[in-house]
Amino acid sequence: MPHIQKDCPSELASYCKEVPHGNGQKWSCLSHHAMVKPYSPQCLKSMHVHTKRIAQSRGLEPDVKAGCKHEVKECAKKKKDGDVGKMRCLADGAATGEVSGVCK
């Protein structure tokens, strides 16, 4: 996540400085706050690229779709379109504890 650290220093300092490194916790924090806080265009672009990479590398593979059927349906209700939106929605759910163990 070096490009995120480079492109989002003020966002990390403002919203996620108390969040420990590892296990995607900083990423989850940034993703969560991006929905409600103003982020720089550079940071948003970097986050979009990172989210797209995650979706392409891990994506909503058949095992994720099967194991997270309920959560994917809930993300769809929240208008999280496409695999990238659903991956972000699932990541946010994991960060807040709203996602069942099979999806974490």
PDB file of N, CA and C in Angstrom:
ATOM      1  N   MET A   1       0.806  -1.186   0.000  1.00  0.00           N
ATOM      2  CA  MET A   1       0.000   0.000   0.000  1.00  0.00           C
ATOM      3  C   MET A   1       0.861   1.268   0.000  1.00  0.00           C
ATOM      4  N   PRO A   2       2.099   1.200  -0.476  1.00  0.00           N
ATOM      5  CA  PRO A   2       2.971   2.386  -0.452  1.00  0.00           C
ATOM      6  C   PRO A   2       2.401   3.567  -1.228  1.00  0.00           C
ATOM      7  N   HIS A   3       1.742   3.299  -2.362  1.00  0.00           N
ATOM      8  CA  HIS A   3       1.186   4.410  -3.132  1.00  0.00           C
ATOM      9  C   HIS A   3       0.063   5.113  -2.371  1.00  0.00           C
ATOM     10  N   ILE A   4      -0.669   4.397  -1.557  1.00  0.00           N
ATOM     11  CA  ILE A   4      -1.721   5.002  -0.740  1.00  0.00           C
ATOM     12  C   ILE A   4      -1.074   5.902   0.316  1.00  0.00           C
ATOM     13  N   GLN A   5      -0.007   5.424   0.946  1.00  0.00           N
ATOM     14  CA  GLN A   5       0.684   6.235   1.950  1.00  0.00           C
ATOM     15  C   GLN A   5       1.249   7.504   1.330  1.00  0.00           C
ATOM     16  N   LYS A   6       1.737   7.389   0.090  1.00  0.00           N
ATOM     17  CA  LYS A   6       2.306   8.538  -0.609  1.00  0.00           C
ATOM     18  C   LYS A   6       1.207   9.508  -1.050  1.00  0.00           C
ATOM     19  N   ASP A   7       0.091   8.993  -1.522  1.00  0.00           N
ATOM     20  CA  ASP A   7      -0.968   9.820  -2.090  1.00  0.00           C
ATOM     21  C   ASP A   7      -2.006  10.298  -1.079  1.00  0.00           C
ATOM     22  N   CYS A   8      -2.039   9.698   0.107  1.00  0.00           N
ATOM     23  CA  CYS A   8      -3.080  10.024   1.090  1.00  0.00           C
ATOM     24  C   CYS A   8      -2.512  10.386   2.472  1.00  0.00           C
ATOM     25  N   PRO A   9      -1.405  11.131   2.545  1.00  0.00           N
ATOM     26  CA  PRO A   9      -0.815  11.370   3.868  1.00  0.00           C
ATOM     27  C   PRO A   9      -1.718  12.160   4.808  1.00  0.00           C
ATOM     28  N   SER A  10      -2.407  13.178   4.298  1.00  0.00           N
ATOM     29  CA  SER A  10      -3.258  13.972   5.191  1.00  0.00           C
ATOM     30  C   SER A  10      -4.493  13.194   5.633  1.00  0.00           C
ATOM     31  N   GLU A  11      -5.024  12.351   4.740  1.00  0.00           N
ATOM     32  CA  GLU A  11      -6.184  11.537   5.096  1.00  0.00           C
ATOM     33  C   GLU A  11      -5.812  10.503   6.161  1.00  0.00           C
ATOM     34  N   LEU A  12      -4.661   9.864   5.977  1.00  0.00           N
ATOM     35  CA  LEU A  12      -4.201   8.890   6.973  1.00  0.00           C
ATOM     36  C   LEU A  12      -3.966   9.569   8.323  1.00  0.00           C
ATOM     37  N   ALA A  13      -3.346  10.754   8.292  1.00  0.00           N
ATOM     38  CA  ALA A  13      -3.063  11.474   9.537  1.00  0.00           C
ATOM     39  C   ALA A  13      -4.349  11.972  10.210  1.00  0.00           C
ATOM     40  N   SER A  14      -5.290  12.422   9.412  1.00  0.00           N
ATOM     41  CA  SER A  14      -6.523  12.982   9.970  1.00  0.00           C
ATOM     42  C   SER A  14      -7.499  11.931  10.496  1.00  0.00           C
ATOM     43  N   TYR A  15      -7.646  10.835   9.769  1.00  0.00           N
ATOM     44  CA  TYR A  15      -8.712   9.891  10.084  1.00  0.00           C
ATOM     45  C   TYR A  15      -8.246   8.534  10.611  1.00  0.00           C
ATOM     46  N   CYS A  16      -6.979   8.179  10.359  1.00  0.00           N
ATOM     47  CA  CYS A  16      -6.566   6.805  10.652  1.00  0.00           C
ATOM     48  C   CYS A  16      -5.250   6.700  11.438  1.00  0.00           C
ATOM     49  N   LYS A  17      -4.804   7.787  12.049  1.00  0.00           N
ATOM     50  CA  LYS A  17      -3.495   7.731  12.705  1.00  0.00           C
ATOM     51  C   LYS A  17      -3.462   6.777  13.903  1.00  0.00           C
ATOM     52  N   GLU A  18      -4.574   6.566  14.554  1.00  0.00           N
ATOM     53  CA  GLU A  18      -4.627   5.669  15.713  1.00  0.00           C
ATOM     54  C   GLU A  18      -4.828   4.200  15.317  1.00  0.00           C
ATOM     55  N   VAL A  19      -5.076   3.951  14.038  1.00  0.00           N
ATOM     56  CA  VAL A  19      -5.341   2.595  13.563  1.00  0.00           C
ATOM     57  C   VAL A  19      -4.012   1.862  13.369  1.00  0.00           C
ATOM     58  N   PRO A  20      -3.869   0.668  13.948  1.00  0.00           N
ATOM     59  CA  PRO A  20      -2.610  -0.073  13.792  1.00  0.00           C
ATOM     60  C   PRO A  20      -2.394  -0.558  12.361  1.00  0.00           C
ATOM     61  N   HIS A  21      -1.130  -0.717  12.009  1.00  0.00           N
ATOM     62  CA  HIS A  21      -0.776  -1.261  10.687  1.00  0.00           C
ATOM     63  C   HIS A  21      -1.049  -2.760  10.668  1.00  0.00           C
ATOM     64  N   GLY A  22      -1.282  -3.292   9.491  1.00  0.00           N
ATOM     65  CA  GLY A  22      -1.447  -4.736   9.324  1.00  0.00           C
ATOM     66  C   GLY A  22      -2.888  -5.157   9.182  1.00  0.00           C
ATOM     67  N   ASN A  23      -3.076  -6.287   8.537  1.00  0.00           N
ATOM     68  CA  ASN A  23      -4.396  -6.891   8.331  1.00  0.00           C
ATOM     69  C   ASN A  23      -5.375  -5.972   7.614  1.00  0.00           C
ATOM     70  N   GLY A  24      -4.866  -5.040   6.829  1.00  0.00           N
ATOM     71  CA  GLY A  24      -5.735  -4.169   6.055  1.00  0.00           C
ATOM     72  C   GLY A  24      -6.496  -3.144   6.869  1.00  0.00           C
ATOM     73  N   GLN A  25      -6.082  -2.922   8.121  1.00  0.00           N
ATOM     74  CA  GLN A  25      -6.832  -2.022   8.988  1.00  0.00           C
ATOM     75  C   GLN A  25      -6.770  -0.566   8.528  1.00  0.00           C
ATOM     76  N   LYS A  26      -5.591  -0.119   8.070  1.00  0.00           N
ATOM     77  CA  LYS A  26      -5.470   1.260   7.561  1.00  0.00           C
ATOM     78  C   LYS A  26      -6.336   1.422   6.309  1.00  0.00           C
ATOM     79  N   TRP A  27      -6.285   0.426   5.424  1.00  0.00           N
ATOM     80  CA  TRP A  27      -7.082   0.466   4.199  1.00  0.00           C
ATOM     81  C   TRP A  27      -8.573   0.521   4.533  1.00  0.00           C
ATOM     82  N   SER A  28      -9.015  -0.300   5.469  1.00  0.00           N
ATOM     83  CA  SER A  28     -10.424  -0.306   5.867  1.00  0.00           C
ATOM     84  C   SER A  28     -10.837   1.039   6.446  1.00  0.00           C
ATOM     85  N   CYS A  29      -9.945   1.620   7.234  1.00  0.00           N
ATOM     86  CA  CYS A  29     -10.217   2.930   7.820  1.00  0.00           C
ATOM     87  C   CYS A  29     -10.377   3.977   6.720  1.00  0.00           C
ATOM     88  N   LEU A  30      -9.429   4.007   5.781  1.00  0.00           N
ATOM     89  CA  LEU A  30      -9.511   4.968   4.672  1.00  0.00           C
ATOM     90  C   LEU A  30     -10.786   4.756   3.859  1.00  0.00           C
ATOM     91  N   SER A  31     -11.088   3.508   3.560  1.00  0.00           N
ATOM     92  CA  SER A  31     -12.278   3.197   2.764  1.00  0.00           C
ATOM     93  C   SER A  31     -13.548   3.657   3.475  1.00  0.00           C
ATOM     94  N   HIS A  32     -13.601   3.422   4.752  1.00  0.00           N
ATOM     95  CA  HIS A  32     -14.776   3.798   5.532  1.00  0.00           C
ATOM     96  C   HIS A  32     -14.977   5.318   5.517  1.00  0.00           C
ATOM     97  N   HIS A  33     -13.921   6.053   5.801  1.00  0.00           N
ATOM     98  CA  HIS A  33     -14.030   7.512   5.873  1.00  0.00           C
ATOM     99  C   HIS A  33     -14.207   8.161   4.505  1.00  0.00           C
ATOM    100  N   ALA A  34     -13.758   7.511   3.440  1.00  0.00           N
ATOM    101  CA  ALA A  34     -13.870   8.091   2.098  1.00  0.00           C
ATOM    102  C   ALA A  34     -15.323   8.309   1.698  1.00  0.00           C
ATOM    103  N   MET A  35     -16.225   7.571   2.310  1.00  0.00           N
ATOM    104  CA  MET A  35     -17.636   7.710   1.956  1.00  0.00           C
ATOM    105  C   MET A  35     -18.266   8.959   2.563  1.00  0.00           C
ATOM    106  N   VAL A  36     -17.645   9.500   3.623  1.00  0.00           N
ATOM    107  CA  VAL A  36     -18.271  10.622   4.320  1.00  0.00           C
ATOM    108  C   VAL A  36     -17.359  11.835   4.508  1.00  0.00           C
ATOM    109  N   LYS A  37     -16.082  11.704   4.237  1.00  0.00           N
ATOM    110  CA  LYS A  37     -15.132  12.799   4.432  1.00  0.00           C
ATOM    111  C   LYS A  37     -14.586  13.273   3.097  1.00  0.00           C
ATOM    112  N   PRO A  38     -14.188  14.543   3.027  1.00  0.00           N
ATOM    113  CA  PRO A  38     -13.585  15.039   1.787  1.00  0.00           C
ATOM    114  C   PRO A  38     -12.138  14.551   1.654  1.00  0.00           C
ATOM    115  N   TYR A  39     -11.843  13.893   0.566  1.00  0.00           N
ATOM    116  CA  TYR A  39     -10.496  13.404   0.285  1.00  0.00           C
ATOM    117  C   TYR A  39      -9.958  14.143  -0.933  1.00  0.00           C
ATOM    118  N   SER A  40      -8.637  14.253  -0.998  1.00  0.00           N
ATOM    119  CA  SER A  40      -8.015  14.898  -2.159  1.00  0.00           C
ATOM    120  C   SER A  40      -8.264  14.039  -3.395  1.00  0.00           C
ATOM    121  N   PRO A  41      -8.341  14.676  -4.567  1.00  0.00           N
ATOM    122  CA  PRO A  41      -8.526  13.902  -5.801  1.00  0.00           C
ATOM    123  C   PRO A  41      -7.420  12.875  -6.013  1.00  0.00           C
ATOM    124  N   GLN A  42      -6.195  13.228  -5.643  1.00  0.00           N
ATOM    125  CA  GLN A  42      -5.069  12.305  -5.796  1.00  0.00           C
ATOM    126  C   GLN A  42      -5.262  11.066  -4.923  1.00  0.00           C
ATOM    127  N   CYS A  43      -5.714  11.262  -3.706  1.00  0.00           N
ATOM    128  CA  CYS A  43      -5.948  10.134  -2.803  1.00  0.00           C
ATOM    129  C   CYS A  43      -7.093   9.267  -3.319  1.00  0.00           C
ATOM    130  N   LEU A  44      -8.181   9.894  -3.742  1.00  0.00           N
ATOM    131  CA  LEU A  44      -9.317   9.128  -4.259  1.00  0.00           C
ATOM    132  C   LEU A  44      -8.926   8.301  -5.480  1.00  0.00           C
ATOM    133  N   LYS A  45      -8.123   8.890  -6.352  1.00  0.00           N
ATOM    134  CA  LYS A  45      -7.672   8.155  -7.538  1.00  0.00           C
ATOM    135  C   LYS A  45      -6.813   6.958  -7.128  1.00  0.00           C
ATOM    136  N   SER A  46      -5.902   7.171  -6.198  1.00  0.00           N
ATOM    137  CA  SER A  46      -5.043   6.090  -5.728  1.00  0.00           C
ATOM    138  C   SER A  46      -5.859   4.984  -5.064  1.00  0.00           C
ATOM    139  N   MET A  47      -6.861   5.370  -4.287  1.00  0.00           N
ATOM    140  CA  MET A  47      -7.730   4.384  -3.639  1.00  0.00           C
ATOM    141  C   MET A  47      -8.520   3.599  -4.674  1.00  0.00           C
ATOM    142  N   HIS A  48      -8.977   4.282  -5.711  1.00  0.00           N
ATOM    143  CA  HIS A  48      -9.717   3.598  -6.775  1.00  0.00           C
ATOM    144  C   HIS A  48      -8.820   2.564  -7.465  1.00  0.00           C
ATOM    145  N   VAL A  49      -7.594   2.953  -7.770  1.00  0.00           N
ATOM    146  CA  VAL A  49      -6.649   2.031  -8.415  1.00  0.00           C
ATOM    147  C   VAL A  49      -6.395   0.835  -7.507  1.00  0.00           C
ATOM    148  N   HIS A  50      -6.187   1.087  -6.211  1.00  0.00           N
ATOM    149  CA  HIS A  50      -5.930   0.002  -5.256  1.00  0.00           C
ATOM    150  C   HIS A  50      -7.142  -0.922  -5.146  1.00  0.00           C
ATOM    151  N   THR A  51      -8.327  -0.347  -5.073  1.00  0.00           N
ATOM    152  CA  THR A  51      -9.557  -1.144  -4.983  1.00  0.00           C
ATOM    153  C   THR A  51      -9.722  -2.006  -6.226  1.00  0.00           C
ATOM    154  N   LYS A  52      -9.435  -1.429  -7.375  1.00  0.00           N
ATOM    155  CA  LYS A  52      -9.547  -2.175  -8.622  1.00  0.00           C
ATOM    156  C   LYS A  52      -8.560  -3.340  -8.647  1.00  0.00           C
ATOM    157  N   ARG A  53      -7.340  -3.104  -8.156  1.00  0.00           N
ATOM    158  CA  ARG A  53      -6.340  -4.188  -8.086  1.00  0.00           C
ATOM    159  C   ARG A  53      -6.805  -5.308  -7.170  1.00  0.00           C
ATOM    160  N   ILE A  54      -7.365  -4.928  -6.032  1.00  0.00           N
ATOM    161  CA  ILE A  54      -7.877  -5.943  -5.095  1.00  0.00           C
ATOM    162  C   ILE A  54      -8.973  -6.753  -5.772  1.00  0.00           C
ATOM    163  N   ALA A  55      -9.900  -6.062  -6.422  1.00  0.00           N
ATOM    164  CA  ALA A  55     -11.007  -6.752  -7.080  1.00  0.00           C
ATOM    165  C   ALA A  55     -10.509  -7.659  -8.192  1.00  0.00           C
ATOM    166  N   GLN A  56      -9.473  -7.218  -8.913  1.00  0.00           N
ATOM    167  CA  GLN A  56      -8.946  -8.033 -10.001  1.00  0.00           C
ATOM    168  C   GLN A  56      -8.147  -9.221  -9.475  1.00  0.00           C
ATOM    169  N   SER A  57      -7.400  -9.008  -8.388  1.00  0.00           N
ATOM    170  CA  SER A  57      -6.570 -10.102  -7.882  1.00  0.00           C
ATOM    171  C   SER A  57      -7.359 -11.085  -7.029  1.00  0.00           C
ATOM    172  N   ARG A  58      -8.234 -10.543  -6.186  1.00  0.00           N
ATOM    173  CA  ARG A  58      -9.026 -11.426  -5.331  1.00  0.00           C
ATOM    174  C   ARG A  58     -10.467 -11.440  -5.755  1.00  0.00           C
ATOM    175  N   GLY A  59     -10.882 -10.301  -6.289  1.00  0.00           N
ATOM    176  CA  GLY A  59     -12.216 -10.139  -6.832  1.00  0.00           C
ATOM    177  C   GLY A  59     -13.322 -10.866  -6.114  1.00  0.00           C
ATOM    178  N   LEU A  60     -14.423 -10.892  -6.730  1.00  0.00           N
ATOM    179  CA  LEU A  60     -15.532 -11.667  -6.211  1.00  0.00           C
ATOM    180  C   LEU A  60     -15.473 -13.027  -6.882  1.00  0.00           C
ATOM    181  N   GLU A  61     -14.482 -13.764  -6.485  1.00  0.00           N
ATOM    182  CA  GLU A  61     -14.299 -15.112  -6.993  1.00  0.00           C
ATOM    183  C   GLU A  61     -15.513 -15.950  -6.607  1.00  0.00           C
ATOM    184  N   PRO A  62     -15.699 -17.066  -7.283  1.00  0.00           N
ATOM    185  CA  PRO A  62     -16.862 -17.915  -6.962  1.00  0.00           C
ATOM    186  C   PRO A  62     -16.968 -18.282  -5.487  1.00  0.00           C
ATOM    187  N   ASP A  63     -15.806 -18.520  -4.809  1.00  0.00           N
ATOM    188  CA  ASP A  63     -15.875 -18.890  -3.394  1.00  0.00           C
ATOM    189  C   ASP A  63     -16.331 -17.713  -2.534  1.00  0.00           C
ATOM    190  N   VAL A  64     -15.959 -16.494  -2.915  1.00  0.00           N
ATOM    191  CA  VAL A  64     -16.423 -15.322  -2.182  1.00  0.00           C
ATOM    192  C   VAL A  64     -17.911 -15.125  -2.434  1.00  0.00           C
ATOM    193  N   LYS A  65     -18.315 -15.237  -3.678  1.00  0.00           N
ATOM    194  CA  LYS A  65     -19.737 -15.085  -3.990  1.00  0.00           C
ATOM    195  C   LYS A  65     -20.569 -16.110  -3.232  1.00  0.00           C
ATOM    196  N   ALA A  66     -20.082 -17.345  -3.171  1.00  0.00           N
ATOM    197  CA  ALA A  66     -20.825 -18.398  -2.485  1.00  0.00           C
ATOM    198  C   ALA A  66     -20.791 -18.206  -0.969  1.00  0.00           C
ATOM    199  N   GLY A  67     -19.615 -17.910  -0.427  1.00  0.00           N
ATOM    200  CA  GLY A  67     -19.457 -17.787   1.020  1.00  0.00           C
ATOM    201  C   GLY A  67     -20.031 -16.511   1.597  1.00  0.00           C
ATOM    202  N   CYS A  68     -20.222 -15.521   0.765  1.00  0.00           N
ATOM    203  CA  CYS A  68     -20.688 -14.208   1.229  1.00  0.00           C
ATOM    204  C   CYS A  68     -21.977 -13.797   0.542  1.00  0.00           C
ATOM    205  N   LYS A  69     -22.779 -14.780   0.195  1.00  0.00           N
ATOM    206  CA  LYS A  69     -23.997 -14.517  -0.579  1.00  0.00           C
ATOM    207  C   LYS A  69     -24.874 -13.449   0.080  1.00  0.00           C
ATOM    208  N   HIS A  70     -25.103 -13.593   1.373  1.00  0.00           N
ATOM    209  CA  HIS A  70     -25.954 -12.638   2.093  1.00  0.00           C
ATOM    210  C   HIS A  70     -25.334 -11.240   2.076  1.00  0.00           C
ATOM    211  N   GLU A  71     -24.028 -11.147   2.368  1.00  0.00           N
ATOM    212  CA  GLU A  71     -23.346  -9.856   2.416  1.00  0.00           C
ATOM    213  C   GLU A  71     -23.305  -9.187   1.044  1.00  0.00           C
ATOM    214  N   VAL A  72     -23.072  -9.979  -0.006  1.00  0.00           N
ATOM    215  CA  VAL A  72     -23.051  -9.427  -1.369  1.00  0.00           C
ATOM    216  C   VAL A  72     -24.428  -8.868  -1.711  1.00  0.00           C
ATOM    217  N   LYS A  73     -25.480  -9.585  -1.292  1.00  0.00           N
ATOM    218  CA  LYS A  73     -26.848  -9.117  -1.534  1.00  0.00           C
ATOM    219  C   LYS A  73     -27.103  -7.795  -0.810  1.00  0.00           C
ATOM    220  N   GLU A  74     -26.612  -7.700   0.432  1.00  0.00           N
ATOM    221  CA  GLU A  74     -26.778  -6.465   1.209  1.00  0.00           C
ATOM    222  C   GLU A  74     -26.017  -5.314   0.559  1.00  0.00           C
ATOM    223  N   CYS A  75     -24.824  -5.587   0.043  1.00  0.00           N
ATOM    224  CA  CYS A  75     -24.050  -4.554  -0.648  1.00  0.00           C
ATOM    225  C   CYS A  75     -24.779  -4.088  -1.899  1.00  0.00           C
ATOM    226  N   ALA A  76     -25.417  -5.019  -2.594  1.00  0.00           N
ATOM    227  CA  ALA A  76     -26.182  -4.664  -3.793  1.00  0.00           C
ATOM    228  C   ALA A  76     -27.348  -3.751  -3.421  1.00  0.00           C
ATOM    229  N   LYS A  77     -27.974  -4.016  -2.268  1.00  0.00           N
ATOM    230  CA  LYS A  77     -29.071  -3.160  -1.804  1.00  0.00           C
ATOM    231  C   LYS A  77     -28.578  -1.746  -1.520  1.00  0.00           C
ATOM    232  N   LYS A  78     -27.314  -1.652  -1.118  1.00  0.00           N
ATOM    233  CA  LYS A  78     -26.721  -0.337  -0.830  1.00  0.00           C
ATOM    234  C   LYS A  78     -26.200   0.325  -2.095  1.00  0.00           C
ATOM    235  N   LYS A  79     -26.556  -0.241  -3.223  1.00  0.00           N
ATOM    236  CA  LYS A  79     -26.175   0.278  -4.546  1.00  0.00           C
ATOM    237  C   LYS A  79     -24.666   0.249  -4.766  1.00  0.00           C
ATOM    238  N   LYS A  80     -24.013  -0.782  -4.281  1.00  0.00           N
ATOM    239  CA  LYS A  80     -22.584  -0.968  -4.521  1.00  0.00           C
ATOM    240  C   LYS A  80     -22.449  -1.800  -5.782  1.00  0.00           C
ATOM    241  N   ASP A  81     -22.336  -1.123  -6.910  1.00  0.00           N
ATOM    242  CA  ASP A  81     -22.323  -1.772  -8.206  1.00  0.00           C
ATOM    243  C   ASP A  81     -20.966  -2.366  -8.551  1.00  0.00           C
ATOM    244  N   GLY A  82     -21.006  -3.443  -9.275  1.00  0.00           N
ATOM    245  CA  GLY A  82     -19.796  -4.074  -9.785  1.00  0.00           C
ATOM    246  C   GLY A  82     -18.974  -4.736  -8.701  1.00  0.00           C
ATOM    247  N   ASP A  83     -17.988  -5.507  -9.124  1.00  0.00           N
ATOM    248  CA  ASP A  83     -17.150  -6.218  -8.174  1.00  0.00           C
ATOM    249  C   ASP A  83     -16.345  -5.274  -7.291  1.00  0.00           C
ATOM    250  N   VAL A  84     -15.872  -4.158  -7.847  1.00  0.00           N
ATOM    251  CA  VAL A  84     -15.084  -3.217  -7.060  1.00  0.00           C
ATOM    252  C   VAL A  84     -15.935  -2.638  -5.934  1.00  0.00           C
ATOM    253  N   GLY A  85     -17.142  -2.199  -6.236  1.00  0.00           N
ATOM    254  CA  GLY A  85     -18.024  -1.656  -5.213  1.00  0.00           C
ATOM    255  C   GLY A  85     -18.382  -2.681  -4.157  1.00  0.00           C
ATOM    256  N   LYS A  86     -18.624  -3.901  -4.595  1.00  0.00           N
ATOM    257  CA  LYS A  86     -18.968  -4.964  -3.637  1.00  0.00           C
ATOM    258  C   LYS A  86     -17.768  -5.336  -2.775  1.00  0.00           C
ATOM    259  N   MET A  87     -16.555  -5.368  -3.364  1.00  0.00           N
ATOM    260  CA  MET A  87     -15.353  -5.648  -2.569  1.00  0.00           C
ATOM    261  C   MET A  87     -15.155  -4.576  -1.510  1.00  0.00           C
ATOM    262  N   ARG A  88     -15.358  -3.334  -1.894  1.00  0.00           N
ATOM    263  CA  ARG A  88     -15.206  -2.231  -0.941  1.00  0.00           C
ATOM    264  C   ARG A  88     -16.253  -2.345   0.161  1.00  0.00           C
ATOM    265  N   CYS A  89     -17.466  -2.656  -0.202  1.00  0.00           N
ATOM    266  CA  CYS A  89     -18.541  -2.826   0.766  1.00  0.00           C
ATOM    267  C   CYS A  89     -18.217  -3.972   1.732  1.00  0.00           C
ATOM    268  N   LEU A  90     -17.718  -5.082   1.208  1.00  0.00           N
ATOM    269  CA  LEU A  90     -17.338  -6.222   2.058  1.00  0.00           C
ATOM    270  C   LEU A  90     -16.182  -5.849   2.983  1.00  0.00           C
ATOM    271  N   ALA A  91     -15.204  -5.089   2.463  1.00  0.00           N
ATOM    272  CA  ALA A  91     -14.065  -4.662   3.289  1.00  0.00           C
ATOM    273  C   ALA A  91     -14.540  -3.763   4.423  1.00  0.00           C
ATOM    274  N   ASP A  92     -15.457  -2.866   4.128  1.00  0.00           N
ATOM    275  CA  ASP A  92     -16.002  -2.000   5.164  1.00  0.00           C
ATOM    276  C   ASP A  92     -16.745  -2.818   6.214  1.00  0.00           C
ATOM    277  N   GLY A  93     -17.491  -3.816   5.761  1.00  0.00           N
ATOM    278  CA  GLY A  93     -18.213  -4.684   6.687  1.00  0.00           C
ATOM    279  C   GLY A  93     -17.274  -5.472   7.580  1.00  0.00           C
ATOM    280  N   ALA A  94     -16.154  -5.911   7.036  1.00  0.00           N
ATOM    281  CA  ALA A  94     -15.165  -6.638   7.835  1.00  0.00           C
ATOM    282  C   ALA A  94     -14.554  -5.721   8.884  1.00  0.00           C
ATOM    283  N   ALA A  95     -14.305  -4.464   8.516  1.00  0.00           N
ATOM    284  CA  ALA A  95     -13.705  -3.505   9.441  1.00  0.00           C
ATOM    285  C   ALA A  95     -14.628  -3.173  10.602  1.00  0.00           C
ATOM    286  N   THR A  96     -15.925  -3.160  10.345  1.00  0.00           N
ATOM    287  CA  THR A  96     -16.886  -2.800  11.389  1.00  0.00           C
ATOM    288  C   THR A  96     -17.450  -4.012  12.123  1.00  0.00           C
ATOM    289  N   GLY A  97     -17.098  -5.210  11.671  1.00  0.00           N
ATOM    290  CA  GLY A  97     -17.595  -6.423  12.308  1.00  0.00           C
ATOM    291  C   GLY A  97     -18.969  -6.843  11.831  1.00  0.00           C
ATOM    292  N   GLU A  98     -19.491  -6.204  10.782  1.00  0.00           N
ATOM    293  CA  GLU A  98     -20.823  -6.520  10.280  1.00  0.00           C
ATOM    294  C   GLU A  98     -20.829  -7.710   9.333  1.00  0.00           C
ATOM    295  N   VAL A  99     -19.652  -8.151   8.912  1.00  0.00           N
ATOM    296  CA  VAL A  99     -19.554  -9.246   7.953  1.00  0.00           C
ATOM    297  C   VAL A  99     -19.336 -10.546   8.711  1.00  0.00           C
ATOM    298  N   SER A 100     -20.036 -11.590   8.300  1.00  0.00           N
ATOM    299  CA  SER A 100     -19.901 -12.884   8.986  1.00  0.00           C
ATOM    300  C   SER A 100     -18.496 -13.451   8.801  1.00  0.00           C
ATOM    301  N   GLY A 101     -18.116 -14.349   9.687  1.00  0.00           N
ATOM    302  CA  GLY A 101     -16.766 -14.917   9.701  1.00  0.00           C
ATOM    303  C   GLY A 101     -16.304 -15.503   8.384  1.00  0.00           C
ATOM    304  N   VAL A 102     -17.198 -16.066   7.604  1.00  0.00           N
ATOM    305  CA  VAL A 102     -16.815 -16.701   6.345  1.00  0.00           C
ATOM    306  C   VAL A 102     -16.315 -15.659   5.335  1.00  0.00           C
ATOM    307  N   CYS A 103     -16.697 -14.407   5.512  1.00  0.00           N
ATOM    308  CA  CYS A 103     -16.290 -13.359   4.573  1.00  0.00           C
ATOM    309  C   CYS A 103     -15.042 -12.627   5.010  1.00  0.00           C
ATOM    310  N   LYS A 104     -14.629 -12.747   6.224  1.00  0.00           N
ATOM    311  CA  LYS A 104     -13.483 -11.993   6.728  1.00  0.00           C
ATOM    312  C   LYS A 104     -12.185 -12.561   6.229  1.00  0.00           C
TER     313      LYS A 104
END
